N, C-alpha and C. Protein backbone atom coordinates (compact mmCIF):
# COMPACT_ATOMS: atom_id res chain seq x y z
N MET A 1 9.55 -15.44 -24.52
CA MET A 1 10.01 -15.23 -23.16
C MET A 1 9.16 -14.14 -22.50
N GLU A 2 8.69 -14.43 -21.32
CA GLU A 2 7.84 -13.48 -20.62
C GLU A 2 8.68 -12.33 -20.06
N GLU A 3 8.16 -11.13 -20.22
CA GLU A 3 8.89 -9.96 -19.73
C GLU A 3 8.77 -9.90 -18.20
N LYS A 4 9.89 -9.68 -17.56
CA LYS A 4 9.91 -9.60 -16.09
C LYS A 4 9.37 -8.24 -15.65
N LYS A 5 8.48 -8.25 -14.66
CA LYS A 5 7.92 -7.00 -14.15
C LYS A 5 8.98 -6.30 -13.30
N SER A 6 9.20 -5.05 -13.60
CA SER A 6 10.20 -4.34 -12.81
C SER A 6 9.54 -3.65 -11.63
N THR A 7 10.27 -3.55 -10.55
CA THR A 7 9.77 -2.87 -9.35
C THR A 7 9.49 -1.41 -9.65
N LYS A 8 10.29 -0.81 -10.53
CA LYS A 8 10.09 0.60 -10.88
C LYS A 8 8.72 0.81 -11.51
N ASN A 9 8.31 -0.08 -12.43
CA ASN A 9 7.00 0.04 -13.05
C ASN A 9 5.89 -0.15 -12.03
N VAL A 10 6.04 -1.12 -11.15
CA VAL A 10 5.04 -1.35 -10.10
C VAL A 10 4.97 -0.13 -9.20
N PHE A 11 6.12 0.47 -8.91
CA PHE A 11 6.17 1.65 -8.06
C PHE A 11 5.35 2.79 -8.67
N SER A 12 5.49 3.03 -9.97
CA SER A 12 4.76 4.13 -10.60
C SER A 12 3.26 3.84 -10.65
N VAL A 13 2.89 2.59 -10.90
CA VAL A 13 1.47 2.22 -10.88
C VAL A 13 0.92 2.36 -9.46
N ALA A 14 1.70 1.92 -8.48
CA ALA A 14 1.27 2.01 -7.08
C ALA A 14 1.07 3.46 -6.67
N LYS A 15 1.95 4.34 -7.13
CA LYS A 15 1.81 5.75 -6.76
C LYS A 15 0.51 6.32 -7.30
N GLY A 16 0.15 5.97 -8.53
CA GLY A 16 -1.11 6.43 -9.09
C GLY A 16 -2.30 5.89 -8.32
N ALA A 17 -2.23 4.60 -7.96
CA ALA A 17 -3.30 3.99 -7.18
C ALA A 17 -3.38 4.62 -5.80
N PHE A 18 -2.21 4.94 -5.22
CA PHE A 18 -2.18 5.57 -3.91
C PHE A 18 -2.88 6.92 -3.94
N GLU A 19 -2.66 7.71 -5.00
CA GLU A 19 -3.32 9.02 -5.10
C GLU A 19 -4.83 8.86 -5.08
N TRP A 20 -5.34 7.79 -5.73
CA TRP A 20 -6.78 7.54 -5.73
C TRP A 20 -7.25 7.15 -4.33
N VAL A 21 -6.53 6.24 -3.68
CA VAL A 21 -6.92 5.79 -2.34
C VAL A 21 -6.89 6.95 -1.35
N LYS A 22 -5.90 7.82 -1.49
CA LYS A 22 -5.78 8.97 -0.59
C LYS A 22 -7.05 9.81 -0.61
N ASP A 23 -7.65 9.97 -1.80
CA ASP A 23 -8.84 10.82 -1.92
C ASP A 23 -10.15 10.06 -1.82
N HIS A 24 -10.19 8.80 -2.30
CA HIS A 24 -11.46 8.09 -2.42
C HIS A 24 -11.52 6.76 -1.69
N GLY A 25 -10.42 6.30 -1.15
CA GLY A 25 -10.36 4.96 -0.58
C GLY A 25 -10.98 4.86 0.80
N THR A 26 -11.06 3.63 1.29
CA THR A 26 -11.58 3.35 2.62
C THR A 26 -10.40 3.26 3.58
N TRP A 27 -10.45 4.03 4.63
CA TRP A 27 -9.37 4.05 5.62
C TRP A 27 -9.87 3.39 6.89
N ASP A 28 -9.04 2.56 7.51
CA ASP A 28 -9.36 1.94 8.79
C ASP A 28 -8.70 2.75 9.89
N LYS A 29 -9.50 3.22 10.86
CA LYS A 29 -8.95 4.02 11.95
C LYS A 29 -8.37 3.09 13.02
N GLN A 30 -7.13 3.35 13.41
CA GLN A 30 -6.45 2.57 14.44
C GLN A 30 -6.67 3.23 15.81
N ALA A 31 -6.34 2.52 16.87
CA ALA A 31 -6.54 3.02 18.24
C ALA A 31 -5.73 4.29 18.51
N ASP A 32 -4.55 4.43 17.86
CA ASP A 32 -3.72 5.60 18.11
C ASP A 32 -4.10 6.80 17.24
N GLY A 33 -5.19 6.69 16.49
CA GLY A 33 -5.65 7.80 15.66
C GLY A 33 -5.10 7.76 14.23
N THR A 34 -4.23 6.81 13.93
CA THR A 34 -3.68 6.65 12.59
C THR A 34 -4.71 5.95 11.71
N PHE A 35 -4.81 6.40 10.47
CA PHE A 35 -5.68 5.74 9.50
C PHE A 35 -4.81 4.90 8.59
N ARG A 36 -5.26 3.68 8.26
CA ARG A 36 -4.49 2.79 7.40
C ARG A 36 -5.35 2.27 6.26
N ALA A 37 -4.71 2.10 5.11
CA ALA A 37 -5.36 1.47 3.95
C ALA A 37 -4.34 0.58 3.28
N ALA A 38 -4.80 -0.53 2.70
CA ALA A 38 -3.90 -1.43 1.98
C ALA A 38 -4.60 -1.89 0.71
N PHE A 39 -3.84 -2.04 -0.34
CA PHE A 39 -4.40 -2.53 -1.59
C PHE A 39 -3.29 -3.19 -2.38
N ALA A 40 -3.66 -3.92 -3.42
CA ALA A 40 -2.68 -4.66 -4.21
C ALA A 40 -2.52 -4.01 -5.59
N VAL A 41 -1.29 -3.99 -6.07
CA VAL A 41 -0.97 -3.55 -7.43
C VAL A 41 -0.14 -4.66 -8.04
N GLU A 42 -0.67 -5.27 -9.09
CA GLU A 42 -0.06 -6.45 -9.70
C GLU A 42 0.18 -7.48 -8.59
N SER A 43 1.40 -7.91 -8.36
CA SER A 43 1.62 -8.91 -7.31
C SER A 43 2.20 -8.28 -6.04
N PHE A 44 2.19 -6.96 -5.95
CA PHE A 44 2.74 -6.27 -4.79
C PHE A 44 1.62 -5.65 -3.97
N ALA A 45 1.80 -5.60 -2.67
CA ALA A 45 0.84 -4.94 -1.80
C ALA A 45 1.35 -3.54 -1.47
N VAL A 46 0.43 -2.62 -1.29
CA VAL A 46 0.79 -1.25 -0.95
C VAL A 46 0.13 -0.92 0.38
N ASN A 47 0.90 -0.40 1.30
CA ASN A 47 0.41 -0.03 2.62
C ASN A 47 0.47 1.49 2.73
N VAL A 48 -0.63 2.11 3.15
CA VAL A 48 -0.70 3.56 3.27
C VAL A 48 -1.09 3.89 4.70
N GLU A 49 -0.43 4.87 5.30
CA GLU A 49 -0.78 5.34 6.64
C GLU A 49 -0.94 6.85 6.62
N ARG A 50 -1.95 7.34 7.34
CA ARG A 50 -2.15 8.77 7.52
C ARG A 50 -2.17 9.03 9.02
N THR A 51 -1.18 9.78 9.52
CA THR A 51 -1.07 10.04 10.96
C THR A 51 -2.08 11.10 11.38
N PRO A 52 -2.33 11.21 12.70
CA PRO A 52 -3.26 12.25 13.17
C PRO A 52 -2.81 13.66 12.78
N ALA A 53 -1.50 13.85 12.58
CA ALA A 53 -0.98 15.17 12.19
C ALA A 53 -1.18 15.43 10.69
N GLY A 54 -1.66 14.43 9.95
CA GLY A 54 -1.92 14.60 8.53
C GLY A 54 -0.80 14.13 7.61
N LYS A 55 0.28 13.61 8.17
CA LYS A 55 1.39 13.11 7.36
C LYS A 55 0.99 11.77 6.73
N ILE A 56 1.29 11.61 5.44
CA ILE A 56 0.95 10.37 4.74
C ILE A 56 2.22 9.64 4.36
N LYS A 57 2.27 8.35 4.73
CA LYS A 57 3.41 7.49 4.39
C LYS A 57 2.87 6.30 3.63
N TRP A 58 3.65 5.81 2.66
CA TRP A 58 3.23 4.61 1.95
C TRP A 58 4.45 3.84 1.51
N ARG A 59 4.25 2.53 1.28
CA ARG A 59 5.36 1.69 0.84
C ARG A 59 4.82 0.46 0.12
N ILE A 60 5.66 -0.08 -0.72
CA ILE A 60 5.31 -1.32 -1.40
C ILE A 60 5.80 -2.46 -0.53
N GLY A 61 4.93 -3.43 -0.29
CA GLY A 61 5.28 -4.54 0.59
C GLY A 61 5.56 -5.82 -0.17
N SER A 62 5.67 -6.85 0.58
CA SER A 62 6.02 -8.16 0.03
C SER A 62 4.89 -8.70 -0.84
N PRO A 63 5.23 -9.39 -1.91
CA PRO A 63 4.18 -9.91 -2.79
C PRO A 63 3.30 -10.97 -2.15
N ASP A 64 3.73 -11.57 -1.03
CA ASP A 64 2.89 -12.59 -0.41
C ASP A 64 1.91 -12.01 0.61
N TYR A 65 1.89 -10.69 0.78
CA TYR A 65 0.94 -10.04 1.68
C TYR A 65 -0.38 -9.82 0.94
N ILE A 66 -1.49 -10.17 1.55
CA ILE A 66 -2.80 -9.95 0.95
C ILE A 66 -3.52 -8.90 1.79
N PRO A 67 -3.83 -7.73 1.21
CA PRO A 67 -4.53 -6.69 1.98
C PRO A 67 -5.80 -7.24 2.62
N GLY A 68 -6.03 -6.83 3.86
CA GLY A 68 -7.21 -7.28 4.58
C GLY A 68 -6.93 -8.45 5.51
N GLN A 69 -5.77 -9.07 5.39
CA GLN A 69 -5.42 -10.16 6.30
C GLN A 69 -4.54 -9.60 7.42
N ALA A 70 -4.96 -9.81 8.64
CA ALA A 70 -4.26 -9.24 9.79
C ALA A 70 -2.85 -9.80 9.95
N LYS A 71 -2.60 -11.02 9.47
CA LYS A 71 -1.29 -11.63 9.69
C LYS A 71 -0.28 -11.34 8.59
N GLY A 72 -0.64 -10.50 7.63
CA GLY A 72 0.29 -10.16 6.55
C GLY A 72 1.47 -9.38 7.09
N LYS A 73 2.63 -9.55 6.50
CA LYS A 73 3.82 -8.83 6.93
C LYS A 73 4.39 -8.04 5.77
N PHE A 74 4.89 -6.87 6.07
CA PHE A 74 5.51 -6.05 5.04
C PHE A 74 7.01 -6.11 5.17
N ARG A 75 7.67 -6.26 4.03
CA ARG A 75 9.13 -6.18 3.99
C ARG A 75 9.47 -5.10 2.99
N LYS A 76 10.35 -4.20 3.38
CA LYS A 76 10.77 -3.16 2.44
C LYS A 76 11.62 -3.78 1.36
N ARG A 77 11.46 -3.32 0.14
CA ARG A 77 12.23 -3.83 -0.99
C ARG A 77 13.24 -2.81 -1.39
């Protein structure tokens, strides 16, 4: 029987990946001055935002979102 991936495990892996992206990743600058980056961890997408004030927010999105596609949608889990 295949072991089910838990969201908690994905969350911890995503946090480690986020720390790397925060320092070394490619950020896309938006018109409002916010920088955004997205990447995938296992079957989950991670969305990262850095506001002009320097605040960083991130969340795990829906597994059907593919980073780099403009029509992807995030749903909080």
